[in-house]
Amino acid sequence: MIQAVLIASIVFTFAAQDADKAETMFRELRDASAQEPGVVRFEVGRSQEKPNVFALWEVYRDREALEAHQGTKHFQRLVVDGIRPLARQRNIETVIPIS
């Protein structure tokens, strides 16, 4: 049986003065999220050319795993209450791999 995979690609832009604070929250989010059973991979990168821009690459076993991630205490605290309000812009695409 082939296991379904869901990928979330997210780009956040912050004010320059908030970028380091965002990085701290992203590091904590990455480390906590990587421990979730439905998370296959959770990567965060920071642009070298635009240090106030961050990209996330999140790979989930399936939609239920993504929904479970969004229901965690660390997601609520770090993303809903921390990162999103601080962000100037957020672009998200949730995709499936092509075969």
PDB file of N, CA and C in Angstrom:
ATOM      1  N   MET A   1       0.834  -1.175   0.000  1.00  0.00           N
ATOM      2  CA  MET A   1       0.000   0.000   0.000  1.00  0.00           C
ATOM      3  C   MET A   1       0.885   1.246   0.000  1.00  0.00           C
ATOM      4  N   ILE A   2       0.614   2.175  -0.885  1.00  0.00           N
ATOM      5  CA  ILE A   2       1.365   3.410  -0.964  1.00  0.00           C
ATOM      6  C   ILE A   2       0.807   4.394   0.057  1.00  0.00           C
ATOM      7  N   GLN A   3       1.715   4.975   0.823  1.00  0.00           N
ATOM      8  CA  GLN A   3       1.300   5.921   1.853  1.00  0.00           C
ATOM      9  C   GLN A   3       1.158   7.312   1.238  1.00  0.00           C
ATOM     10  N   ALA A   4       0.056   7.973   1.531  1.00  0.00           N
ATOM     11  CA  ALA A   4      -0.175   9.320   1.028  1.00  0.00           C
ATOM     12  C   ALA A   4       0.759  10.299   1.732  1.00  0.00           C
ATOM     13  N   VAL A   5       1.121  11.349   1.017  1.00  0.00           N
ATOM     14  CA  VAL A   5       1.985  12.380   1.580  1.00  0.00           C
ATOM     15  C   VAL A   5       1.396  13.740   1.236  1.00  0.00           C
ATOM     16  N   LEU A   6       1.483  14.651   2.174  1.00  0.00           N
ATOM     17  CA  LEU A   6       1.020  16.018   1.984  1.00  0.00           C
ATOM     18  C   LEU A   6       2.183  16.943   2.306  1.00  0.00           C
ATOM     19  N   ILE A   7       2.411  17.928   1.452  1.00  0.00           N
ATOM     20  CA  ILE A   7       3.530  18.858   1.635  1.00  0.00           C
ATOM     21  C   ILE A   7       2.976  20.271   1.779  1.00  0.00           C
ATOM     22  N   ALA A   8       3.419  20.958   2.808  1.00  0.00           N
ATOM     23  CA  ALA A   8       3.075  22.365   2.989  1.00  0.00           C
ATOM     24  C   ALA A   8       4.335  23.183   2.759  1.00  0.00           C
ATOM     25  N   SER A   9       4.264  24.107   1.821  1.00  0.00           N
ATOM     26  CA  SER A   9       5.365  25.020   1.525  1.00  0.00           C
ATOM     27  C   SER A   9       4.890  26.417   1.923  1.00  0.00           C
ATOM     28  N   ILE A  10       5.593  27.024   2.870  1.00  0.00           N
ATOM     29  CA  ILE A  10       5.144  28.297   3.439  1.00  0.00           C
ATOM     30  C   ILE A  10       6.301  29.292   3.440  1.00  0.00           C
ATOM     31  N   VAL A  11       6.018  30.508   3.010  1.00  0.00           N
ATOM     32  CA  VAL A  11       7.010  31.575   3.059  1.00  0.00           C
ATOM     33  C   VAL A  11       6.450  32.707   3.911  1.00  0.00           C
ATOM     34  N   PHE A  12       7.227  33.101   4.906  1.00  0.00           N
ATOM     35  CA  PHE A  12       6.874  34.193   5.799  1.00  0.00           C
ATOM     36  C   PHE A  12       7.830  35.354   5.586  1.00  0.00           C
ATOM     37  N   THR A  13       7.305  36.561   5.639  1.00  0.00           N
ATOM     38  CA  THR A  13       8.126  37.765   5.615  1.00  0.00           C
ATOM     39  C   THR A  13       7.831  38.571   6.875  1.00  0.00           C
ATOM     40  N   PHE A  14       8.901  39.034   7.521  1.00  0.00           N
ATOM     41  CA  PHE A  14       8.795  39.792   8.763  1.00  0.00           C
ATOM     42  C   PHE A  14       9.448  41.158   8.595  1.00  0.00           C
ATOM     43  N   ALA A  15       9.116  42.083   9.467  1.00  0.00           N
ATOM     44  CA  ALA A  15       9.859  43.335   9.546  1.00  0.00           C
ATOM     45  C   ALA A  15      11.280  42.971   9.982  1.00  0.00           C
ATOM     46  N   ALA A  16      12.256  43.736   9.511  1.00  0.00           N
ATOM     47  CA  ALA A  16      13.665  43.444   9.812  1.00  0.00           C
ATOM     48  C   ALA A  16      13.903  43.304  11.316  1.00  0.00           C
ATOM     49  N   GLN A  17      13.278  44.134  12.108  1.00  0.00           N
ATOM     50  CA  GLN A  17      13.512  44.104  13.556  1.00  0.00           C
ATOM     51  C   GLN A  17      12.886  42.883  14.230  1.00  0.00           C
ATOM     52  N   ASP A  18      12.004  42.149  13.539  1.00  0.00           N
ATOM     53  CA  ASP A  18      11.353  40.971  14.121  1.00  0.00           C
ATOM     54  C   ASP A  18      11.953  39.654  13.634  1.00  0.00           C
ATOM     55  N   ALA A  19      12.885  39.710  12.692  1.00  0.00           N
ATOM     56  CA  ALA A  19      13.380  38.489  12.054  1.00  0.00           C
ATOM     57  C   ALA A  19      14.111  37.557  13.025  1.00  0.00           C
ATOM     58  N   ASP A  20      14.937  38.086  13.894  1.00  0.00           N
ATOM     59  CA  ASP A  20      15.658  37.216  14.827  1.00  0.00           C
ATOM     60  C   ASP A  20      14.709  36.559  15.825  1.00  0.00           C
ATOM     61  N   LYS A  21      13.706  37.298  16.269  1.00  0.00           N
ATOM     62  CA  LYS A  21      12.697  36.726  17.166  1.00  0.00           C
ATOM     63  C   LYS A  21      11.950  35.597  16.444  1.00  0.00           C
ATOM     64  N   ALA A  22      11.617  35.821  15.166  1.00  0.00           N
ATOM     65  CA  ALA A  22      10.942  34.791  14.369  1.00  0.00           C
ATOM     66  C   ALA A  22      11.822  33.551  14.255  1.00  0.00           C
ATOM     67  N   GLU A  23      13.113  33.749  14.015  1.00  0.00           N
ATOM     68  CA  GLU A  23      14.009  32.590  13.890  1.00  0.00           C
ATOM     69  C   GLU A  23      14.004  31.754  15.163  1.00  0.00           C
ATOM     70  N   THR A  24      14.018  32.394  16.296  1.00  0.00           N
ATOM     71  CA  THR A  24      13.980  31.660  17.570  1.00  0.00           C
ATOM     72  C   THR A  24      12.716  30.814  17.671  1.00  0.00           C
ATOM     73  N   MET A  25      11.573  31.400  17.306  1.00  0.00           N
ATOM     74  CA  MET A  25      10.311  30.650  17.351  1.00  0.00           C
ATOM     75  C   MET A  25      10.310  29.517  16.326  1.00  0.00           C
ATOM     76  N   PHE A  26      10.844  29.768  15.128  1.00  0.00           N
ATOM     77  CA  PHE A  26      10.902  28.717  14.106  1.00  0.00           C
ATOM     78  C   PHE A  26      11.783  27.552  14.542  1.00  0.00           C
ATOM     79  N   ARG A  27      12.886  27.828  15.196  1.00  0.00           N
ATOM     80  CA  ARG A  27      13.753  26.746  15.688  1.00  0.00           C
ATOM     81  C   ARG A  27      12.990  25.861  16.682  1.00  0.00           C
ATOM     82  N   GLU A  28      12.281  26.491  17.605  1.00  0.00           N
ATOM     83  CA  GLU A  28      11.517  25.723  18.590  1.00  0.00           C
ATOM     84  C   GLU A  28      10.394  24.943  17.910  1.00  0.00           C
ATOM     85  N   LEU A  29       9.720  25.577  16.953  1.00  0.00           N
ATOM     86  CA  LEU A  29       8.648  24.909  16.219  1.00  0.00           C
ATOM     87  C   LEU A  29       9.182  23.708  15.455  1.00  0.00           C
ATOM     88  N   ARG A  30      10.301  23.882  14.762  1.00  0.00           N
ATOM     89  CA  ARG A  30      10.911  22.783  14.000  1.00  0.00           C
ATOM     90  C   ARG A  30      11.247  21.608  14.895  1.00  0.00           C
ATOM     91  N   ASP A  31      11.882  21.892  16.020  1.00  0.00           N
ATOM     92  CA  ASP A  31      12.313  20.814  16.908  1.00  0.00           C
ATOM     93  C   ASP A  31      11.132  20.061  17.509  1.00  0.00           C
ATOM     94  N   ALA A  32      10.084  20.784  17.896  1.00  0.00           N
ATOM     95  CA  ALA A  32       8.902  20.135  18.474  1.00  0.00           C
ATOM     96  C   ALA A  32       8.118  19.384  17.404  1.00  0.00           C
ATOM     97  N   SER A  33       7.969  19.983  16.235  1.00  0.00           N
ATOM     98  CA  SER A  33       7.177  19.366  15.164  1.00  0.00           C
ATOM     99  C   SER A  33       7.825  18.094  14.641  1.00  0.00           C
ATOM    100  N   ALA A  34       9.134  18.068  14.591  1.00  0.00           N
ATOM    101  CA  ALA A  34       9.844  16.890  14.087  1.00  0.00           C
ATOM    102  C   ALA A  34       9.593  15.652  14.950  1.00  0.00           C
ATOM    103  N   GLN A  35       9.145  15.853  16.194  1.00  0.00           N
ATOM    104  CA  GLN A  35       8.868  14.734  17.099  1.00  0.00           C
ATOM    105  C   GLN A  35       7.458  14.159  16.920  1.00  0.00           C
ATOM    106  N   GLU A  36       6.617  14.826  16.154  1.00  0.00           N
ATOM    107  CA  GLU A  36       5.246  14.351  15.965  1.00  0.00           C
ATOM    108  C   GLU A  36       5.258  13.096  15.089  1.00  0.00           C
ATOM    109  N   PRO A  37       4.418  12.108  15.430  1.00  0.00           N
ATOM    110  CA  PRO A  37       4.438  10.846  14.684  1.00  0.00           C
ATOM    111  C   PRO A  37       4.049  10.966  13.211  1.00  0.00           C
ATOM    112  N   GLY A  38       3.214  11.930  12.849  1.00  0.00           N
ATOM    113  CA  GLY A  38       2.779  12.053  11.456  1.00  0.00           C
ATOM    114  C   GLY A  38       3.641  12.965  10.606  1.00  0.00           C
ATOM    115  N   VAL A  39       4.663  13.571  11.219  1.00  0.00           N
ATOM    116  CA  VAL A  39       5.548  14.469  10.483  1.00  0.00           C
ATOM    117  C   VAL A  39       6.696  13.657   9.893  1.00  0.00           C
ATOM    118  N   VAL A  40       6.800  13.682   8.564  1.00  0.00           N
ATOM    119  CA  VAL A  40       7.874  12.975   7.868  1.00  0.00           C
ATOM    120  C   VAL A  40       9.130  13.835   7.845  1.00  0.00           C
ATOM    121  N   ARG A  41       8.938  15.138   7.620  1.00  0.00           N
ATOM    122  CA  ARG A  41      10.057  16.079   7.561  1.00  0.00           C
ATOM    123  C   ARG A  41       9.546  17.480   7.872  1.00  0.00           C
ATOM    124  N   PHE A  42      10.368  18.266   8.548  1.00  0.00           N
ATOM    125  CA  PHE A  42       9.993  19.632   8.896  1.00  0.00           C
ATOM    126  C   PHE A  42      11.254  20.487   8.834  1.00  0.00           C
ATOM    127  N   GLU A  43      11.363  21.291   7.787  1.00  0.00           N
ATOM    128  CA  GLU A  43      12.558  22.107   7.565  1.00  0.00           C
ATOM    129  C   GLU A  43      12.196  23.583   7.569  1.00  0.00           C
ATOM    130  N   VAL A  44      13.096  24.396   8.094  1.00  0.00           N
ATOM    131  CA  VAL A  44      12.940  25.843   8.081  1.00  0.00           C
ATOM    132  C   VAL A  44      14.238  26.446   7.548  1.00  0.00           C
ATOM    133  N   GLY A  45      14.099  27.376   6.610  1.00  0.00           N
ATOM    134  CA  GLY A  45      15.268  28.064   6.083  1.00  0.00           C
ATOM    135  C   GLY A  45      15.096  29.569   6.167  1.00  0.00           C
ATOM    136  N   ARG A  46      16.228  30.271   6.210  1.00  0.00           N
ATOM    137  CA  ARG A  46      16.226  31.735   6.247  1.00  0.00           C
ATOM    138  C   ARG A  46      17.007  32.239   5.045  1.00  0.00           C
ATOM    139  N   SER A  47      16.437  33.173   4.334  1.00  0.00           N
ATOM    140  CA  SER A  47      17.069  33.713   3.138  1.00  0.00           C
ATOM    141  C   SER A  47      18.353  34.452   3.488  1.00  0.00           C
ATOM    142  N   GLN A  48      19.396  34.201   2.713  1.00  0.00           N
ATOM    143  CA  GLN A  48      20.650  34.930   2.904  1.00  0.00           C
ATOM    144  C   GLN A  48      20.556  36.325   2.295  1.00  0.00           C
ATOM    145  N   GLU A  49      19.817  36.442   1.188  1.00  0.00           N
ATOM    146  CA  GLU A  49      19.679  37.733   0.520  1.00  0.00           C
ATOM    147  C   GLU A  49      18.685  38.651   1.216  1.00  0.00           C
ATOM    148  N   LYS A  50      17.644  38.058   1.788  1.00  0.00           N
ATOM    149  CA  LYS A  50      16.602  38.817   2.494  1.00  0.00           C
ATOM    150  C   LYS A  50      16.404  38.157   3.863  1.00  0.00           C
ATOM    151  N   PRO A  51      17.201  38.512   4.856  1.00  0.00           N
ATOM    152  CA  PRO A  51      17.171  37.806   6.138  1.00  0.00           C
ATOM    153  C   PRO A  51      15.866  37.926   6.926  1.00  0.00           C
ATOM    154  N   ASN A  52      14.919  38.688   6.421  1.00  0.00           N
ATOM    155  CA  ASN A  52      13.615  38.760   7.081  1.00  0.00           C
ATOM    156  C   ASN A  52      12.604  37.800   6.439  1.00  0.00           C
ATOM    157  N   VAL A  53      13.074  36.964   5.502  1.00  0.00           N
ATOM    158  CA  VAL A  53      12.220  35.995   4.808  1.00  0.00           C
ATOM    159  C   VAL A  53      12.625  34.578   5.226  1.00  0.00           C
ATOM    160  N   PHE A  54      11.615  33.788   5.590  1.00  0.00           N
ATOM    161  CA  PHE A  54      11.817  32.396   6.002  1.00  0.00           C
ATOM    162  C   PHE A  54      10.936  31.488   5.151  1.00  0.00           C
ATOM    163  N   ALA A  55      11.437  30.290   4.872  1.00  0.00           N
ATOM    164  CA  ALA A  55      10.659  29.308   4.119  1.00  0.00           C
ATOM    165  C   ALA A  55      10.575  28.023   4.936  1.00  0.00           C
ATOM    166  N   LEU A  56       9.375  27.453   4.974  1.00  0.00           N
ATOM    167  CA  LEU A  56       9.165  26.181   5.655  1.00  0.00           C
ATOM    168  C   LEU A  56       8.779  25.131   4.628  1.00  0.00           C
ATOM    169  N   TRP A  57       9.275  23.926   4.824  1.00  0.00           N
ATOM    170  CA  TRP A  57       8.969  22.780   3.983  1.00  0.00           C
ATOM    171  C   TRP A  57       8.542  21.684   4.941  1.00  0.00           C
ATOM    172  N   GLU A  58       7.235  21.432   4.991  1.00  0.00           N
ATOM    173  CA  GLU A  58       6.671  20.494   5.949  1.00  0.00           C
ATOM    174  C   GLU A  58       6.076  19.314   5.199  1.00  0.00           C
ATOM    175  N   VAL A  59       6.486  18.116   5.555  1.00  0.00           N
ATOM    176  CA  VAL A  59       5.987  16.918   4.894  1.00  0.00           C
ATOM    177  C   VAL A  59       5.251  16.074   5.939  1.00  0.00           C
ATOM    178  N   TYR A  60       3.995  15.781   5.629  1.00  0.00           N
ATOM    179  CA  TYR A  60       3.132  15.033   6.537  1.00  0.00           C
ATOM    180  C   TYR A  60       2.725  13.706   5.906  1.00  0.00           C
ATOM    181  N   ARG A  61       2.516  12.731   6.749  1.00  0.00           N
ATOM    182  CA  ARG A  61       2.096  11.406   6.305  1.00  0.00           C
ATOM    183  C   ARG A  61       0.768  11.475   5.541  1.00  0.00           C
ATOM    184  N   ASP A  62      -0.144  12.330   6.020  1.00  0.00           N
ATOM    185  CA  ASP A  62      -1.465  12.472   5.402  1.00  0.00           C
ATOM    186  C   ASP A  62      -2.147  13.716   5.976  1.00  0.00           C
ATOM    187  N   ARG A  63      -3.343  14.000   5.519  1.00  0.00           N
ATOM    188  CA  ARG A  63      -4.076  15.182   5.982  1.00  0.00           C
ATOM    189  C   ARG A  63      -4.333  15.127   7.489  1.00  0.00           C
ATOM    190  N   GLU A  64      -4.606  13.942   8.020  1.00  0.00           N
ATOM    191  CA  GLU A  64      -4.850  13.803   9.453  1.00  0.00           C
ATOM    192  C   GLU A  64      -3.621  14.214  10.254  1.00  0.00           C
ATOM    193  N   ALA A  65      -2.440  13.899   9.748  1.00  0.00           N
ATOM    194  CA  ALA A  65      -1.206  14.287  10.438  1.00  0.00           C
ATOM    195  C   ALA A  65      -1.044  15.809  10.431  1.00  0.00           C
ATOM    196  N   LEU A  66      -1.390  16.454   9.318  1.00  0.00           N
ATOM    197  CA  LEU A  66      -1.334  17.910   9.241  1.00  0.00           C
ATOM    198  C   LEU A  66      -2.312  18.522  10.242  1.00  0.00           C
ATOM    199  N   GLU A  67      -3.524  17.989  10.289  1.00  0.00           N
ATOM    200  CA  GLU A  67      -4.523  18.501  11.230  1.00  0.00           C
ATOM    201  C   GLU A  67      -4.095  18.270  12.676  1.00  0.00           C
ATOM    202  N   ALA A  68      -3.464  17.129  12.951  1.00  0.00           N
ATOM    203  CA  ALA A  68      -2.970  16.862  14.302  1.00  0.00           C
ATOM    204  C   ALA A  68      -1.878  17.874  14.669  1.00  0.00           C
ATOM    205  N   HIS A  69      -1.009  18.178  13.708  1.00  0.00           N
ATOM    206  CA  HIS A  69       0.051  19.168  13.927  1.00  0.00           C
ATOM    207  C   HIS A  69      -0.558  20.525  14.289  1.00  0.00           C
ATOM    208  N   GLN A  70      -1.578  20.914  13.557  1.00  0.00           N
ATOM    209  CA  GLN A  70      -2.211  22.212  13.789  1.00  0.00           C
ATOM    210  C   GLN A  70      -2.947  22.271  15.132  1.00  0.00           C
ATOM    211  N   GLY A  71      -3.223  21.129  15.709  1.00  0.00           N
ATOM    212  CA  GLY A  71      -3.901  21.079  16.994  1.00  0.00           C
ATOM    213  C   GLY A  71      -2.971  20.976  18.191  1.00  0.00           C
ATOM    214  N   THR A  72      -1.662  20.909  17.955  1.00  0.00           N
ATOM    215  CA  THR A  72      -0.724  20.768  19.073  1.00  0.00           C
ATOM    216  C   THR A  72      -0.583  22.067  19.854  1.00  0.00           C
ATOM    217  N   LYS A  73      -0.184  21.932  21.100  1.00  0.00           N
ATOM    218  CA  LYS A  73       0.034  23.109  21.940  1.00  0.00           C
ATOM    219  C   LYS A  73       1.167  23.967  21.386  1.00  0.00           C
ATOM    220  N   HIS A  74       2.237  23.339  20.883  1.00  0.00           N
ATOM    221  CA  HIS A  74       3.353  24.133  20.370  1.00  0.00           C
ATOM    222  C   HIS A  74       2.961  24.890  19.098  1.00  0.00           C
ATOM    223  N   PHE A  75       2.103  24.331  18.264  1.00  0.00           N
ATOM    224  CA  PHE A  75       1.635  25.057  17.073  1.00  0.00           C
ATOM    225  C   PHE A  75       0.802  26.267  17.491  1.00  0.00           C
ATOM    226  N   GLN A  76      -0.112  26.056  18.417  1.00  0.00           N
ATOM    227  CA  GLN A  76      -0.960  27.156  18.871  1.00  0.00           C
ATOM    228  C   GLN A  76      -0.124  28.278  19.485  1.00  0.00           C
ATOM    229  N   ARG A  77       0.823  27.911  20.327  1.00  0.00           N
ATOM    230  CA  ARG A  77       1.630  28.914  21.031  1.00  0.00           C
ATOM    231  C   ARG A  77       2.598  29.620  20.086  1.00  0.00           C
ATOM    232  N   LEU A  78       3.318  28.838  19.278  1.00  0.00           N
ATOM    233  CA  LEU A  78       4.378  29.426  18.455  1.00  0.00           C
ATOM    234  C   LEU A  78       3.870  30.016  17.144  1.00  0.00           C
ATOM    235  N   VAL A  79       2.898  29.366  16.503  1.00  0.00           N
ATOM    236  CA  VAL A  79       2.430  29.836  15.202  1.00  0.00           C
ATOM    237  C   VAL A  79       1.237  30.772  15.348  1.00  0.00           C
ATOM    238  N   VAL A  80       0.164  30.280  15.936  1.00  0.00           N
ATOM    239  CA  VAL A  80      -1.070  31.069  16.018  1.00  0.00           C
ATOM    240  C   VAL A  80      -0.869  32.321  16.873  1.00  0.00           C
ATOM    241  N   ASP A  81      -0.213  32.164  18.017  1.00  0.00           N
ATOM    242  CA  ASP A  81      -0.054  33.288  18.936  1.00  0.00           C
ATOM    243  C   ASP A  81       1.269  34.039  18.765  1.00  0.00           C
ATOM    244  N   GLY A  82       2.214  33.476  18.015  1.00  0.00           N
ATOM    245  CA  GLY A  82       3.529  34.098  17.908  1.00  0.00           C
ATOM    246  C   GLY A  82       3.925  34.515  16.506  1.00  0.00           C
ATOM    247  N   ILE A  83       4.107  33.558  15.637  1.00  0.00           N
ATOM    248  CA  ILE A  83       4.646  33.822  14.299  1.00  0.00           C
ATOM    249  C   ILE A  83       3.658  34.566  13.413  1.00  0.00           C
ATOM    250  N   ARG A  84       2.442  34.079  13.325  1.00  0.00           N
ATOM    251  CA  ARG A  84       1.467  34.721  12.429  1.00  0.00           C
ATOM    252  C   ARG A  84       1.213  36.187  12.763  1.00  0.00           C
ATOM    253  N   PRO A  85       0.979  36.534  14.030  1.00  0.00           N
ATOM    254  CA  PRO A  85       0.748  37.951  14.326  1.00  0.00           C
ATOM    255  C   PRO A  85       1.972  38.833  14.040  1.00  0.00           C
ATOM    256  N   LEU A  86       3.159  38.248  14.130  1.00  0.00           N
ATOM    257  CA  LEU A  86       4.393  38.995  13.900  1.00  0.00           C
ATOM    258  C   LEU A  86       4.691  39.170  12.406  1.00  0.00           C
ATOM    259  N   ALA A  87       4.180  38.239  11.591  1.00  0.00           N
ATOM    260  CA  ALA A  87       4.493  38.236  10.155  1.00  0.00           C
ATOM    261  C   ALA A  87       3.833  39.393   9.418  1.00  0.00           C
ATOM    262  N   ARG A  88       4.558  39.919   8.465  1.00  0.00           N
ATOM    263  CA  ARG A  88       4.016  40.942   7.568  1.00  0.00           C
ATOM    264  C   ARG A  88       3.273  40.281   6.408  1.00  0.00           C
ATOM    265  N   GLN A  89       3.762  39.095   6.007  1.00  0.00           N
ATOM    266  CA  GLN A  89       3.170  38.387   4.871  1.00  0.00           C
ATOM    267  C   GLN A  89       3.367  36.886   5.057  1.00  0.00           C
ATOM    268  N   ARG A  90       2.387  36.116   4.560  1.00  0.00           N
ATOM    269  CA  ARG A  90       2.477  34.648   4.611  1.00  0.00           C
ATOM    270  C   ARG A  90       1.877  34.102   3.331  1.00  0.00           C
ATOM    271  N   ASN A  91       2.630  33.278   2.641  1.00  0.00           N
ATOM    272  CA  ASN A  91       2.145  32.584   1.444  1.00  0.00           C
ATOM    273  C   ASN A  91       2.274  31.089   1.698  1.00  0.00           C
ATOM    274  N   ILE A  92       1.175  30.369   1.506  1.00  0.00           N
ATOM    275  CA  ILE A  92       1.173  28.936   1.771  1.00  0.00           C
ATOM    276  C   ILE A  92       0.566  28.184   0.601  1.00  0.00           C
ATOM    277  N   GLU A  93       1.204  27.077   0.282  1.00  0.00           N
ATOM    278  CA  GLU A  93       0.665  26.132  -0.696  1.00  0.00           C
ATOM    279  C   GLU A  93       0.756  24.741  -0.076  1.00  0.00           C
ATOM    280  N   THR A  94      -0.345  24.029  -0.093  1.00  0.00           N
ATOM    281  CA  THR A  94      -0.357  22.632   0.355  1.00  0.00           C
ATOM    282  C   THR A  94      -0.535  21.782  -0.883  1.00  0.00           C
ATOM    283  N   VAL A  95       0.429  20.899  -1.104  1.00  0.00           N
ATOM    284  CA  VAL A  95       0.473  20.141  -2.363  1.00  0.00           C
ATOM    285  C   VAL A  95       0.699  18.655  -2.084  1.00  0.00           C
ATOM    286  N   ILE A  96       0.522  17.856  -3.113  1.00  0.00           N
ATOM    287  CA  ILE A  96       0.864  16.443  -3.059  1.00  0.00           C
ATOM    288  C   ILE A  96       1.961  16.196  -4.087  1.00  0.00           C
ATOM    289  N   PRO A  97       2.818  15.212  -3.858  1.00  0.00           N
ATOM    290  CA  PRO A  97       3.876  14.935  -4.827  1.00  0.00           C
ATOM    291  C   PRO A  97       3.282  14.481  -6.166  1.00  0.00           C
ATOM    292  N   ILE A  98       3.943  14.841  -7.245  1.00  0.00           N
ATOM    293  CA  ILE A  98       3.516  14.354  -8.551  1.00  0.00           C
ATOM    294  C   ILE A  98       4.281  13.078  -8.866  1.00  0.00           C
ATOM    295  N   SER A  99       3.638  12.203  -9.607  1.00  0.00           N
ATOM    296  CA  SER A  99       4.313  10.949  -9.958  1.00  0.00           C
ATOM    297  C   SER A  99       4.650  10.915 -11.423  1.00  0.00           C
TER     298      SER A  99
END
